[in-house]
């Protein structure tokens, strides 16, 4: 499935968190603190408001965006303003 964000929206692929600690303890997904980092997959056509590029790693607001699954993988559609940092 292909998803093309509109206007000032950005499609990002969220990063999976480790479900096992270094010592081997398995942490259930409901107890994990999810990081708010992702990789930009596509951007909308309002490039004046969007300050990121496809392929960049970004940090976004904790409760931002609309969650969707694309080909079985977790993605979010965010507003450009919900992205708070680029991770280098």
Protein backbone atom coordinates (compact mmCIF):
# COMPACT_ATOMS: atom_id res chain seq x y z
CA UNK A 1 0.00 0.00 0.00
CA UNK A 2 1.24 3.50 -0.82
CA UNK A 3 0.38 6.47 1.38
CA UNK A 4 1.07 10.05 0.27
CA UNK A 5 0.61 12.64 3.04
CA UNK A 6 -1.13 15.88 2.10
CA UNK A 7 -0.35 19.53 2.88
CA UNK A 8 1.93 19.89 5.93
CA UNK A 9 1.71 16.22 6.97
CA UNK A 10 4.66 13.83 7.27
CA UNK A 11 4.58 10.01 7.09
CA UNK A 12 7.09 8.39 9.45
CA UNK A 13 8.01 4.80 10.24
CA UNK A 14 8.22 4.31 13.99
CA UNK A 15 11.17 2.48 15.47
CA UNK A 16 10.64 -0.75 17.37
CA UNK A 17 11.68 -0.89 21.00
CA UNK A 18 13.63 -3.77 22.47
CA UNK A 19 11.38 -6.22 24.30
CA UNK A 20 14.25 -7.87 26.14
CA UNK A 21 16.78 -6.29 28.50
CA UNK A 22 20.52 -6.95 28.28
CA UNK A 23 20.20 -9.47 31.11
CA UNK A 24 17.47 -11.39 29.26
CA UNK A 25 14.33 -10.16 31.03
CA UNK A 26 11.39 -9.90 28.63
CA UNK A 27 9.34 -6.72 29.00
CA UNK A 28 5.71 -6.91 27.78
CA UNK A 29 4.77 -4.33 25.17
CA UNK A 30 2.16 -2.77 27.48
CA UNK A 31 4.87 -1.97 30.07
CA UNK A 32 7.40 -0.48 27.66
CA UNK A 33 8.09 3.23 27.46
CA UNK A 34 8.00 3.85 23.73
CA UNK A 35 10.48 6.27 22.27
CA UNK A 36 9.13 9.01 20.09
CA UNK A 37 11.64 8.59 17.30
CA UNK A 38 10.98 7.63 13.71
CA UNK A 39 12.32 7.79 10.17
CA UNK A 40 10.66 10.10 7.63
CA UNK A 41 9.17 8.06 4.77
CA UNK A 42 7.24 10.71 2.82
CA UNK A 43 6.32 14.38 3.12
CA UNK A 44 3.33 16.40 1.97
CA UNK A 45 3.41 19.04 -0.74
CA UNK A 46 3.49 22.10 1.55
CA UNK A 47 7.28 22.21 1.80
CA UNK A 48 7.30 25.74 3.26
CA UNK A 49 6.01 24.38 6.60
CA UNK A 50 7.87 21.05 6.54
CA UNK A 51 11.49 21.33 7.67
CA UNK A 52 12.52 17.64 7.34
CA UNK A 53 13.56 15.45 4.43
CA UNK A 54 12.83 11.84 3.55
CA UNK A 55 15.25 9.51 5.31
CA UNK A 56 15.95 11.75 8.33
CA UNK A 57 15.54 10.42 11.86
CA UNK A 58 13.23 12.63 13.88
CA UNK A 59 11.75 13.00 17.36
CA UNK A 60 8.06 13.86 17.69
CA UNK A 61 5.55 14.81 20.41
CA UNK A 62 4.45 11.87 22.56
CA UNK A 63 0.73 11.90 21.73
CA UNK A 64 0.97 13.24 18.18
CA UNK A 65 -0.18 11.75 14.96
CA UNK A 66 -2.46 9.10 13.55
CA UNK A 67 -1.20 5.52 13.76
CA UNK A 68 -1.51 3.30 10.68
CA UNK A 69 -0.06 -0.02 9.54
CA UNK A 70 1.53 -0.21 6.11
CA UNK A 71 2.52 -3.70 4.95
CA UNK A 72 2.40 -4.89 8.57
CA UNK A 73 4.73 -2.16 9.90
CA UNK A 74 3.79 0.69 12.26
CA UNK A 75 3.72 4.21 10.82
CA UNK A 76 2.39 7.59 11.91
CA UNK A 77 1.03 10.53 9.96
CA UNK A 78 2.17 13.67 11.78
CA UNK A 79 1.67 17.38 11.25
CA UNK A 80 4.93 19.15 10.45
CA UNK A 81 4.62 21.07 13.75
CA UNK A 82 4.55 17.81 15.75
CA UNK A 83 8.14 17.05 14.78
CA UNK A 84 10.33 18.58 17.48
CA UNK A 85 13.87 17.59 16.47
CA UNK A 86 16.07 15.98 13.84
CA UNK A 87 18.40 13.33 15.24
CA UNK A 88 21.87 13.36 13.71
